[in-house]
Protein backbone atom coordinates (compact mmCIF):
# COMPACT_ATOMS: atom_id res chain seq x y z
CA UNK A 1 -22.99 28.33 34.19
CA UNK A 2 -25.70 25.90 33.20
CA UNK A 3 -26.64 28.05 30.22
CA UNK A 4 -23.00 28.32 29.14
CA UNK A 5 -22.53 24.57 29.36
CA UNK A 6 -25.65 24.05 27.26
CA UNK A 7 -24.22 26.39 24.63
CA UNK A 8 -20.93 24.47 24.69
CA UNK A 9 -22.73 21.18 24.17
CA UNK A 10 -24.77 22.64 21.30
CA UNK A 11 -21.61 23.79 19.55
CA UNK A 12 -19.90 20.46 20.17
CA UNK A 13 -22.87 18.64 18.66
CA UNK A 14 -22.70 20.85 15.55
CA UNK A 15 -18.97 20.19 15.20
CA UNK A 16 -19.39 16.41 14.96
CA UNK A 17 -22.14 16.67 12.33
CA UNK A 18 -19.41 17.31 9.74
CA UNK A 19 -21.01 18.31 6.42
CA UNK A 20 -24.51 17.38 7.54
CA UNK A 21 -26.80 14.52 6.46
CA UNK A 22 -27.01 15.38 2.76
CA UNK A 23 -23.27 15.94 2.35
CA UNK A 24 -22.43 12.79 4.29
CA UNK A 25 -24.82 10.74 2.16
CA UNK A 26 -23.16 12.05 -0.99
CA UNK A 27 -19.74 11.33 0.51
CA UNK A 28 -20.69 7.73 1.36
CA UNK A 29 -22.17 7.26 -2.12
CA UNK A 30 -18.68 7.90 -3.53
CA UNK A 31 -17.42 4.88 -1.59
CA UNK A 32 -15.67 6.89 1.13
CA UNK A 33 -16.07 6.82 4.88
CA UNK A 34 -16.70 10.02 6.87
CA UNK A 35 -13.56 11.32 8.51
CA UNK A 36 -14.68 10.62 12.06
CA UNK A 37 -15.33 6.99 11.19
CA UNK A 38 -11.84 6.81 9.73
CA UNK A 39 -10.38 8.20 12.94
CA UNK A 40 -12.39 5.74 15.04
CA UNK A 41 -11.27 2.78 12.91
CA UNK A 42 -7.56 3.49 13.12
CA UNK A 43 -7.35 4.38 16.83
CA UNK A 44 -7.65 2.22 19.92
CA UNK A 45 -11.19 2.41 21.25
CA UNK A 46 -11.75 5.22 23.72
CA UNK A 47 -8.37 6.87 23.12
CA UNK A 48 -9.46 9.86 21.00
CA UNK A 49 -8.51 13.29 22.43
CA UNK A 50 -9.72 15.95 20.00
CA UNK A 51 -8.35 19.46 19.68
CA UNK A 52 -9.67 22.40 17.70
CA UNK A 53 -13.17 20.96 17.28
CA UNK A 54 -14.80 24.39 17.61
CA UNK A 55 -12.67 26.01 14.90
CA UNK A 56 -14.57 28.05 12.30
CA UNK A 57 -13.42 29.80 9.11
CA UNK A 58 -12.35 33.43 9.10
CA UNK A 59 -14.81 34.22 6.27
CA UNK A 60 -18.15 32.80 7.40
CA UNK A 61 -20.12 33.24 4.21
CA UNK A 62 -21.16 29.60 4.38
CA UNK A 63 -23.36 29.06 7.40
CA UNK A 64 -21.88 25.84 8.75
CA UNK A 65 -18.28 24.77 8.30
CA UNK A 66 -17.65 22.47 11.30
CA UNK A 67 -14.00 22.42 12.38
CA UNK A 68 -13.19 24.40 9.23
CA UNK A 69 -13.13 21.11 7.35
CA UNK A 70 -10.46 19.24 9.31
CA UNK A 71 -10.42 17.01 12.39
CA UNK A 72 -7.31 17.03 14.59
CA UNK A 73 -6.31 15.41 17.85
CA UNK A 74 -4.41 12.64 19.56
CA UNK A 75 -5.10 8.97 20.19
CA UNK A 76 -3.40 5.62 20.47
CA UNK A 77 -2.60 2.87 17.97
CA UNK A 78 -1.70 -0.42 19.62
CA UNK A 79 -1.18 1.49 22.83
CA UNK A 80 1.18 4.13 21.37
CA UNK A 81 0.21 7.80 21.22
CA UNK A 82 -0.10 9.40 17.79
CA UNK A 83 -1.21 12.73 16.40
CA UNK A 84 -3.98 12.64 13.78
CA UNK A 85 -5.03 15.02 11.02
CA UNK A 86 -8.13 13.97 9.11
CA UNK A 87 -9.38 16.11 6.24
CA UNK A 88 -13.19 16.26 6.19
CA UNK A 89 -14.18 16.04 2.52
CA UNK A 90 -17.88 16.29 3.44
CA UNK A 91 -17.29 19.95 4.35
CA UNK A 92 -16.71 22.07 1.23
CA UNK A 93 -14.84 19.14 -0.38
CA UNK A 94 -12.18 19.30 2.34
CA UNK A 95 -10.76 22.51 0.91
CA UNK A 96 -8.15 24.42 2.88
CA UNK A 97 -8.55 27.88 4.38
CA UNK A 98 -6.44 29.85 6.87
CA UNK A 99 -8.01 28.46 10.06
CA UNK A 100 -7.88 24.84 8.91
CA UNK A 101 -4.25 25.32 7.94
CA UNK A 102 -3.44 26.89 11.30
CA UNK A 103 -5.22 24.00 12.99
CA UNK A 104 -3.19 21.43 11.06
CA UNK A 105 0.07 23.27 11.64
CA UNK A 106 -0.54 23.40 15.38
CA UNK A 107 -1.22 19.66 15.56
CA UNK A 108 1.98 18.93 13.58
CA UNK A 109 4.01 21.19 15.86
CA UNK A 110 2.55 19.58 18.99
CA UNK A 111 3.08 16.00 17.80
CA UNK A 112 6.65 16.81 16.83
CA UNK A 113 7.35 18.47 20.19
CA UNK A 114 5.70 15.67 22.18
CA UNK A 115 7.49 12.97 20.17
CA UNK A 116 4.44 11.25 18.65
CA UNK A 117 4.08 9.82 15.11
CA UNK A 118 1.80 11.72 12.74
CA UNK A 119 -1.11 10.01 10.97
CA UNK A 120 -2.40 11.98 7.98
CA UNK A 121 -5.78 11.05 6.48
CA UNK A 122 -5.82 12.80 3.11
CA UNK A 123 -8.96 13.58 1.10
CA UNK A 124 -9.13 17.20 -0.07
CA UNK A 125 -9.76 19.31 -3.15
CA UNK A 126 -7.04 21.92 -2.60
CA UNK A 127 -7.41 25.55 -1.58
CA UNK A 128 -10.80 27.08 -0.76
CA UNK A 129 -11.94 29.95 -2.91
CA UNK A 130 -12.30 32.82 -2.16
CA UNK A 131 -10.76 32.27 1.28
CA UNK A 132 -7.23 31.94 -0.16
CA UNK A 133 -7.52 34.43 -3.02
CA UNK A 134 -5.39 37.52 -3.44
CA UNK A 135 -3.39 38.74 -0.46
CA UNK A 136 -4.89 36.00 1.71
CA UNK A 137 -2.87 33.34 -0.10
CA UNK A 138 0.41 35.11 0.64
CA UNK A 139 -0.63 35.46 4.27
CA UNK A 140 -1.59 31.83 4.86
CA UNK A 141 -0.38 30.58 8.27
CA UNK A 142 1.86 27.95 6.71
CA UNK A 143 5.28 27.57 8.33
CA UNK A 144 7.38 25.33 6.10
CA UNK A 145 9.99 24.93 8.85
CA UNK A 146 7.46 22.91 10.87
CA UNK A 147 4.69 21.91 8.42
CA UNK A 148 7.05 20.05 6.09
CA UNK A 149 10.24 19.69 8.12
CA UNK A 150 11.42 18.70 11.56
CA UNK A 151 12.51 21.80 13.51
CA UNK A 152 16.24 21.99 14.09
CA UNK A 153 17.34 20.28 17.29
CA UNK A 154 14.31 17.97 17.48
CA UNK A 155 14.42 14.25 16.56
CA UNK A 156 12.06 13.52 13.65
CA UNK A 157 8.84 11.63 14.22
CA UNK A 158 7.44 9.16 11.65
CA UNK A 159 4.74 10.42 9.31
CA UNK A 160 2.27 8.02 7.70
CA UNK A 161 -0.34 9.16 5.19
CA UNK A 162 -3.43 7.44 3.81
CA UNK A 163 -4.72 8.84 0.51
CA UNK A 164 -8.42 8.00 0.74
CA UNK A 165 -9.77 10.14 -2.10
CA UNK A 166 -8.62 12.87 -4.48
CA UNK A 167 -5.88 14.64 -2.51
CA UNK A 168 -4.70 18.00 -3.78
CA UNK A 169 -3.13 21.06 -2.22
CA UNK A 170 -2.13 20.60 1.40
CA UNK A 171 -3.24 16.95 1.37
CA UNK A 172 -0.71 16.33 -1.39
CA UNK A 173 1.88 18.19 0.68
CA UNK A 174 1.10 15.92 3.62
CA UNK A 175 1.70 12.89 1.41
CA UNK A 176 4.97 14.37 0.15
CA UNK A 177 6.29 14.65 3.72
CA UNK A 178 5.27 11.14 4.77
CA UNK A 179 7.68 8.29 5.36
CA UNK A 180 4.94 5.93 4.23
CA UNK A 181 2.05 6.67 1.87
CA UNK A 182 -0.72 4.16 1.23
CA UNK A 183 -3.56 4.89 -1.17
CA UNK A 184 -6.82 3.29 -2.19
CA UNK A 185 -7.51 2.56 -5.84
CA UNK A 186 -9.92 5.51 -6.10
CA UNK A 187 -7.43 7.94 -4.58
CA UNK A 188 -5.26 10.50 -6.34
CA UNK A 189 -2.27 12.64 -5.39
CA UNK A 190 -1.32 15.78 -7.29
CA UNK A 191 -0.31 19.35 -6.60
CA UNK A 192 -3.47 20.66 -8.29
CA UNK A 193 -6.69 18.93 -9.32
CA UNK A 194 -8.08 18.38 -12.83
CA UNK A 195 -10.25 21.53 -12.78
CA UNK A 196 -7.25 23.74 -12.01
CA UNK A 197 -5.09 21.95 -14.59
CA UNK A 198 -7.76 22.46 -17.24
CA UNK A 199 -8.22 26.15 -16.41
CA UNK A 200 -4.49 26.88 -16.20
CA UNK A 201 -2.98 24.96 -19.13
CA UNK A 202 -5.97 23.55 -21.01
CA UNK A 203 -5.08 19.90 -20.30
CA UNK A 204 -8.15 17.79 -19.64
CA UNK A 205 -7.37 14.83 -17.36
CA UNK A 206 -9.17 12.67 -14.86
CA UNK A 207 -8.17 12.20 -11.23
CA UNK A 208 -6.77 8.76 -12.09
CA UNK A 209 -4.75 10.03 -15.07
CA UNK A 210 -3.35 12.92 -13.07
CA UNK A 211 -2.42 11.22 -9.82
CA UNK A 212 -4.11 7.83 -9.53
CA UNK A 213 -2.32 4.73 -8.23
CA UNK A 214 -0.34 4.04 -11.40
CA UNK A 215 0.86 7.63 -11.75
CA UNK A 216 1.50 8.02 -8.03
CA UNK A 217 3.60 4.86 -7.81
CA UNK A 218 5.59 5.69 -10.94
CA UNK A 219 6.43 9.10 -9.45
CA UNK A 220 7.31 7.61 -6.07
CA UNK A 221 4.43 9.48 -4.41
CA UNK A 222 2.80 6.31 -3.03
CA UNK A 223 4.51 3.34 -1.41
CA UNK A 224 1.55 0.96 -1.36
CA UNK A 225 -1.85 0.64 -3.06
CA UNK A 226 -4.68 -1.28 -1.40
CA UNK A 227 -8.29 -2.16 -2.17
CA UNK A 228 -10.19 -0.54 0.70
CA UNK A 229 -10.00 2.18 3.32
CA UNK A 230 -9.85 -0.47 6.02
CA UNK A 231 -6.81 -1.99 4.29
CA UNK A 232 -5.19 1.44 4.14
CA UNK A 233 -5.71 2.13 7.82
CA UNK A 234 -4.41 -1.32 8.71
CA UNK A 235 -1.33 -0.66 6.57
CA UNK A 236 -0.60 2.51 8.54
CA UNK A 237 -0.86 0.59 11.80
CA UNK A 238 1.47 -2.08 10.42
CA UNK A 239 4.02 0.48 9.21
CA UNK A 240 4.10 2.20 12.59
CA UNK A 241 4.85 -1.14 14.27
CA UNK A 242 8.33 -1.10 12.67
CA UNK A 243 9.33 2.43 13.63
CA UNK A 244 9.84 4.15 16.99
CA UNK A 245 7.66 7.04 18.13
CA UNK A 246 10.59 9.33 17.39
CA UNK A 247 14.10 8.99 16.03
CA UNK A 248 15.48 9.33 19.56
CA UNK A 249 14.20 5.84 20.48
CA UNK A 250 15.05 2.31 19.31
CA UNK A 251 12.74 0.68 16.78
CA UNK A 252 10.23 -1.73 18.37
CA UNK A 253 11.22 -5.37 18.75
CA UNK A 254 8.70 -8.23 18.42
CA UNK A 255 8.87 -11.90 19.43
CA UNK A 256 11.11 -13.88 17.09
CA UNK A 257 9.53 -16.22 14.55
CA UNK A 258 10.89 -18.81 12.14
CA UNK A 259 10.96 -17.76 8.47
CA UNK A 260 8.19 -18.85 6.13
CA UNK A 261 10.69 -20.80 4.00
CA UNK A 262 13.52 -22.99 5.27
CA UNK A 263 16.87 -21.14 5.00
CA UNK A 264 18.45 -24.48 4.05
CA UNK A 265 16.59 -24.22 0.72
CA UNK A 266 18.33 -20.97 -0.32
CA UNK A 267 20.89 -22.87 -2.36
CA UNK A 268 18.02 -24.28 -4.42
CA UNK A 269 15.87 -21.13 -4.55
CA UNK A 270 18.72 -19.21 -6.22
CA UNK A 271 19.85 -20.80 -9.53
CA UNK A 272 23.57 -21.38 -9.93
CA UNK A 273 23.57 -19.88 -13.45
CA UNK A 274 23.91 -16.12 -12.94
CA UNK A 275 21.89 -15.47 -16.10
CA UNK A 276 18.83 -17.39 -14.87
CA UNK A 277 16.15 -15.17 -13.34
CA UNK A 278 14.38 -15.87 -10.05
CA UNK A 279 12.17 -13.99 -7.61
CA UNK A 280 14.23 -12.39 -4.83
CA UNK A 281 11.10 -12.25 -2.68
CA UNK A 282 11.53 -15.99 -2.13
CA UNK A 283 15.01 -15.35 -0.73
CA UNK A 284 13.62 -12.71 1.63
CA UNK A 285 10.98 -15.17 2.84
CA UNK A 286 13.79 -17.55 3.86
CA UNK A 287 15.65 -14.82 5.77
CA UNK A 288 12.93 -12.73 7.44
CA UNK A 289 10.59 -13.85 10.21
CA UNK A 290 7.32 -15.27 8.87
CA UNK A 291 4.57 -12.71 8.21
CA UNK A 292 6.92 -9.80 8.95
CA UNK A 293 7.69 -8.66 5.39
CA UNK A 294 6.16 -5.23 4.70
CA UNK A 295 6.73 -3.99 1.11
CA UNK A 296 7.63 -0.32 0.71
CA UNK A 297 7.52 1.26 -2.77
CA UNK A 298 6.68 -1.94 -4.65
CA UNK A 299 5.38 -0.07 -7.71
CA UNK A 300 8.39 2.23 -8.05
CA UNK A 301 11.88 1.39 -9.32
CA UNK A 302 10.89 -2.25 -9.52
CA UNK A 303 14.34 -3.72 -10.26
CA UNK A 304 15.04 -3.08 -6.57
CA UNK A 305 13.05 -4.45 -3.63
CA UNK A 306 12.78 -2.41 -0.43
CA UNK A 307 10.92 -3.98 2.48
CA UNK A 308 10.63 -3.61 6.22
CA UNK A 309 10.91 -6.93 7.98
CA UNK A 310 12.05 -8.63 11.16
CA UNK A 311 14.95 -11.01 11.64
CA UNK A 312 14.75 -12.90 14.94
CA UNK A 313 12.20 -10.30 16.05
CA UNK A 314 14.46 -7.30 15.40
CA UNK A 315 13.40 -4.81 12.69
CA UNK A 316 15.49 -4.49 9.52
CA UNK A 317 15.23 -2.69 6.22
CA UNK A 318 16.04 -5.08 3.40
CA UNK A 319 17.32 -3.69 0.10
CA UNK A 320 17.53 -6.43 -2.52
CA UNK A 321 18.09 -6.82 -6.24
CA UNK A 322 15.13 -8.18 -8.21
CA UNK A 323 16.54 -10.38 -11.02
CA UNK A 324 13.05 -10.70 -12.54
CA UNK A 325 13.24 -7.05 -13.66
CA UNK A 326 16.03 -6.13 -16.10
CA UNK A 327 18.18 -8.78 -14.37
CA UNK A 328 18.30 -6.45 -11.37
CA UNK A 329 20.04 -3.54 -13.12
CA UNK A 330 19.50 -0.24 -11.29
CA UNK A 331 17.88 2.69 -13.07
CA UNK A 332 17.31 6.24 -11.72
CA UNK A 333 13.93 5.33 -10.22
CA UNK A 334 15.40 2.34 -8.34
CA UNK A 335 18.24 4.49 -7.02
CA UNK A 336 15.85 7.27 -5.95
CA UNK A 337 13.76 4.70 -4.10
CA UNK A 338 16.87 3.38 -2.41
CA UNK A 339 17.84 6.87 -1.23
CA UNK A 340 14.41 7.44 0.33
CA UNK A 341 14.28 4.02 1.96
CA UNK A 342 17.83 4.31 3.30
CA UNK A 343 16.92 7.68 4.78
CA UNK A 344 13.80 6.23 6.42
CA UNK A 345 15.73 3.37 8.01
CA UNK A 346 18.73 5.45 9.04
CA UNK A 347 16.51 8.10 10.63
CA UNK A 348 14.44 5.66 12.68
CA UNK A 349 17.17 3.29 13.86
CA UNK A 350 16.37 0.41 11.53
CA UNK A 351 19.50 -1.45 10.34
CA UNK A 352 20.02 -2.15 6.64
CA UNK A 353 20.51 -5.54 4.98
CA UNK A 354 21.65 -5.58 1.33
CA UNK A 355 21.13 -8.66 -0.84
CA UNK A 356 23.29 -8.27 -3.97
CA UNK A 357 22.52 -9.87 -7.32
CA UNK A 358 23.10 -6.91 -9.56
CA UNK A 359 24.64 -6.75 -13.05
CA UNK A 360 25.29 -3.02 -12.72
CA UNK A 361 23.68 0.33 -13.42
CA UNK A 362 21.53 1.07 -16.45
CA UNK A 363 23.62 2.82 -19.09
CA UNK A 364 22.97 4.43 -22.45
CA UNK A 365 21.24 7.58 -23.66
CA UNK A 366 17.91 7.01 -21.91
CA UNK A 367 19.56 6.32 -18.57
CA UNK A 368 21.81 9.36 -18.89
CA UNK A 369 18.97 11.68 -19.84
CA UNK A 370 16.96 10.32 -16.91
CA UNK A 371 19.72 11.36 -14.51
CA UNK A 372 21.50 8.09 -13.73
CA UNK A 373 24.71 9.89 -12.78
CA UNK A 374 23.16 12.11 -10.12
CA UNK A 375 20.93 9.28 -8.91
CA UNK A 376 23.95 7.03 -8.45
CA UNK A 377 25.91 9.70 -6.59
CA UNK A 378 22.96 10.37 -4.29
CA UNK A 379 22.49 6.66 -3.55
CA UNK A 380 26.08 5.77 -2.67
CA UNK A 381 26.48 8.97 -0.65
CA UNK A 382 23.34 8.33 1.40
CA UNK A 383 24.28 4.70 2.06
CA UNK A 384 27.82 5.70 3.10
CA UNK A 385 26.45 8.35 5.46
CA UNK A 386 23.99 5.99 7.17
CA UNK A 387 24.90 5.39 10.81
CA UNK A 388 22.73 2.33 11.43
CA UNK A 389 24.30 -1.13 11.04
CA UNK A 390 24.76 -2.18 7.41
CA UNK A 391 25.17 -5.81 6.41
CA UNK A 392 25.68 -7.02 2.82
CA UNK A 393 25.49 -10.46 1.24
CA UNK A 394 26.49 -11.09 -2.39
CA UNK A 395 24.38 -14.00 -3.64
CA UNK A 396 25.53 -14.21 -7.26
CA UNK A 397 26.71 -11.26 -9.32
CA UNK A 398 27.74 -7.84 -8.04
CA UNK A 399 29.26 -5.75 -10.80
CA UNK A 400 30.44 -2.19 -11.17
CA UNK A 401 28.51 0.75 -9.80
CA UNK A 402 25.59 -1.54 -9.09
CA UNK A 403 27.67 -3.34 -6.46
CA UNK A 404 28.58 -0.05 -4.77
CA UNK A 405 24.97 1.15 -4.93
CA UNK A 406 23.94 -2.02 -3.12
CA UNK A 407 26.13 -1.30 -0.12
CA UNK A 408 29.53 -2.40 -1.47
CA UNK A 409 32.79 -1.86 0.43
CA UNK A 410 33.22 1.88 -0.42
CA UNK A 411 29.91 2.63 1.35
CA UNK A 412 31.39 1.26 4.59
CA UNK A 413 29.20 -1.73 5.47
CA UNK A 414 29.84 -3.17 8.92
CA UNK A 415 30.00 -6.66 7.44
CA UNK A 416 30.12 -7.86 3.83
CA UNK A 417 29.67 -11.54 3.04
CA UNK A 418 29.36 -13.58 -0.16
CA UNK A 419 28.08 -16.98 -1.19
CA UNK A 420 30.51 -19.35 -2.98
CA UNK A 421 28.51 -18.59 -6.15
CA UNK A 422 29.32 -14.88 -5.98
CA UNK A 423 30.90 -13.00 -8.89
CA UNK A 424 32.45 -9.60 -8.21
CA UNK A 425 34.15 -7.10 -10.46
CA UNK A 426 33.97 -4.05 -12.65
CA UNK A 427 31.66 -5.73 -15.17
CA UNK A 428 30.42 -9.13 -16.31
CA UNK A 429 32.91 -11.34 -18.21
CA UNK A 430 31.17 -11.05 -21.60
CA UNK A 431 31.18 -7.25 -21.61
CA UNK A 432 34.53 -6.98 -19.87
CA UNK A 433 36.37 -9.11 -22.39
CA UNK A 434 34.89 -7.18 -25.31
CA UNK A 435 35.91 -3.91 -23.65
CA UNK A 436 39.45 -4.79 -22.55
CA UNK A 437 40.52 -7.25 -25.26
CA UNK A 438 38.57 -6.08 -28.31
CA UNK A 439 41.59 -5.26 -30.48
CA UNK A 440 43.38 -8.47 -29.57
CA UNK A 441 40.29 -10.53 -30.42
CA UNK A 442 39.88 -8.71 -33.75
CA UNK A 443 43.55 -9.29 -34.60
CA UNK A 444 43.36 -13.04 -33.82
CA UNK A 445 40.20 -13.38 -35.87
CA UNK A 446 41.82 -11.59 -38.83
CA UNK A 447 45.10 -13.50 -38.65
CA UNK A 448 44.02 -16.98 -37.47
CA UNK A 449 40.30 -17.16 -38.11
CA UNK A 450 37.11 -17.35 -36.02
CA UNK A 451 37.99 -20.67 -34.32
CA UNK A 452 41.17 -19.21 -32.87
CA UNK A 453 39.26 -16.14 -31.74
CA UNK A 454 36.63 -18.32 -30.00
CA UNK A 455 39.38 -20.27 -28.24
CA UNK A 456 40.91 -17.01 -27.04
CA UNK A 457 37.51 -15.79 -25.79
CA UNK A 458 37.09 -19.00 -23.80
CA UNK A 459 40.54 -18.60 -22.22
CA UNK A 460 39.95 -14.96 -21.39
CA UNK A 461 36.53 -15.78 -19.95
CA UNK A 462 38.02 -18.42 -17.67
CA UNK A 463 40.66 -15.95 -16.49
CA UNK A 464 38.05 -13.22 -15.90
CA UNK A 465 35.73 -15.54 -13.99
CA UNK A 466 38.60 -16.77 -11.82
CA UNK A 467 39.32 -13.16 -10.85
CA UNK A 468 35.62 -12.62 -10.15
CA UNK A 469 35.21 -15.52 -7.73
CA UNK A 470 34.91 -14.66 -4.02
CA UNK A 471 38.07 -16.46 -2.88
CA UNK A 472 40.58 -13.74 -3.74
CA UNK A 473 38.20 -11.07 -2.39
CA UNK A 474 38.06 -12.93 0.91
CA UNK A 475 41.81 -13.49 0.87
CA UNK A 476 42.39 -9.74 0.57
CA UNK A 477 39.62 -8.90 3.10
CA UNK A 478 37.40 -7.22 0.54
CA UNK A 479 34.88 -9.65 2.02
CA UNK A 480 34.57 -10.52 5.69
CA UNK A 481 33.75 -14.13 4.88
CA UNK A 482 32.34 -16.54 2.31
CA UNK A 483 29.28 -18.28 3.76
CA UNK A 484 27.01 -21.17 2.87
CA UNK A 485 23.58 -20.07 1.54
CA UNK A 486 21.80 -21.99 4.29
CA UNK A 487 23.67 -19.98 6.95
CA UNK A 488 22.57 -16.59 5.61
CA UNK A 489 19.75 -15.84 8.06
CA UNK A 490 21.75 -16.83 11.15
CA UNK A 491 24.84 -14.91 10.07
CA UNK A 492 22.84 -11.76 9.24
CA UNK A 493 21.11 -11.90 12.63
CA UNK A 494 24.40 -12.30 14.49
CA UNK A 495 26.16 -9.62 12.42
CA UNK A 496 23.37 -7.12 13.09
CA UNK A 497 23.58 -7.71 16.81
CA UNK A 498 27.36 -7.26 16.78
CA UNK A 499 27.18 -4.13 14.62
CA UNK A 500 24.89 -2.39 17.10
CA UNK A 501 27.62 -2.76 19.68
CA UNK A 502 26.77 -0.98 22.94
CA UNK A 503 24.51 1.61 21.32
CA UNK A 504 21.21 0.20 22.67
CA UNK A 505 19.95 -0.24 19.11
CA UNK A 506 19.76 3.45 18.35
CA UNK A 507 22.01 6.05 16.79
CA UNK A 508 22.88 9.06 18.93
CA UNK A 509 22.83 12.20 16.80
CA UNK A 510 22.77 15.95 17.05
CA UNK A 511 19.62 16.73 15.12
CA UNK A 512 19.62 19.41 12.44
CA UNK A 513 17.73 19.93 9.20
């Protein structure tokens, strides 16, 4: 037995050497940490429970391939168990082969079955040649019903990915499945790397051009970009603090904290003139608990803000217009972001808060060719289907399809409020008058002159604005109430608590794909 134990210890020692001294030195020189240091940094000290450490490739042409280039196991973050997959880029550039894929798939299946979040540390150069060439590629042990999806009947678990270097192949797939993706500035996400792109279609691109932070955010492949690996790992820990270990549990609650800005100042933060821009992030700071605002997708669809936050300690997903960008008009990217964020919150029992200041949807040839129609349909459908509490507040304008896409009455919000400054309707007065009364205005101008036409426009504008004010909407129960700006935080907090009812802050579902 003593000899056998010695052999075990020798093999264990080889497994933790990763790519060896020379490969690790080269890896560090690129500004990246070895995978085992990454795992140690993100997990609670002493909590690591490794699995599959003695895995080796099927084709052992290369003498040493510790763990077949991937580290898997379980640990704890802030006391909560998680499953971890860390690609080891010091071993054959982190490339994927059948055993490493089987090892990853097993960890995913176990974490899903046990009900633990998945942490994915991505840094890989795609498939390993020749291990995945020819028939071997078709026979890869990749089960898309578990690798990419939650098996039917099981509640989903959160997935969080850190892109810590060029991430192609299965690392890119990991990122595509994640509810939160954070990347460092030197990272990249793409289906195939530059060398494959060049060989296949003759396009010569760099990692950054192909899938760097700018490209990844524009495509919605990354939700946050940070400066360092430590920042990325901290971001994953922060994200997980808002979500439960699985969708079958309530989202974690923290001690309540006062907001960073005084809610009484909201009436000053938001200009009365609906055409004057302002930063909606200042409004969020006066509603959410201090230091609880966690941006999600800030570089994607930037006319819409999506953030995780806490209100009186309880988690909430805030979806808010951003008047600084195209006055808050929603384009296909903003709507796609909203669909993803709504799905994240609805899945993991995080209620939704909508802050409306939206002039409508983007229209015109570019918007249509970019798929605004399908994006709009997907957004309103997903919001309407959400089972978590939904609370809306109209701050200033809420027009047309933009209003509905921000959680308007047809999407079945639990409560819908408005400030006295709110304007609601099919479209803004200027455009509405030109659309509805164009012929009448032209006739008056032709018969009585421009002064008479201007007088008519002023009268029609007054009539249109009177119809757009919140009083009639409240009178006909299209709104639940008109509230003072300074009351917004308190009313949202109370409405969220009421909307949960007796459900213990979670939605009971029959899970299916």
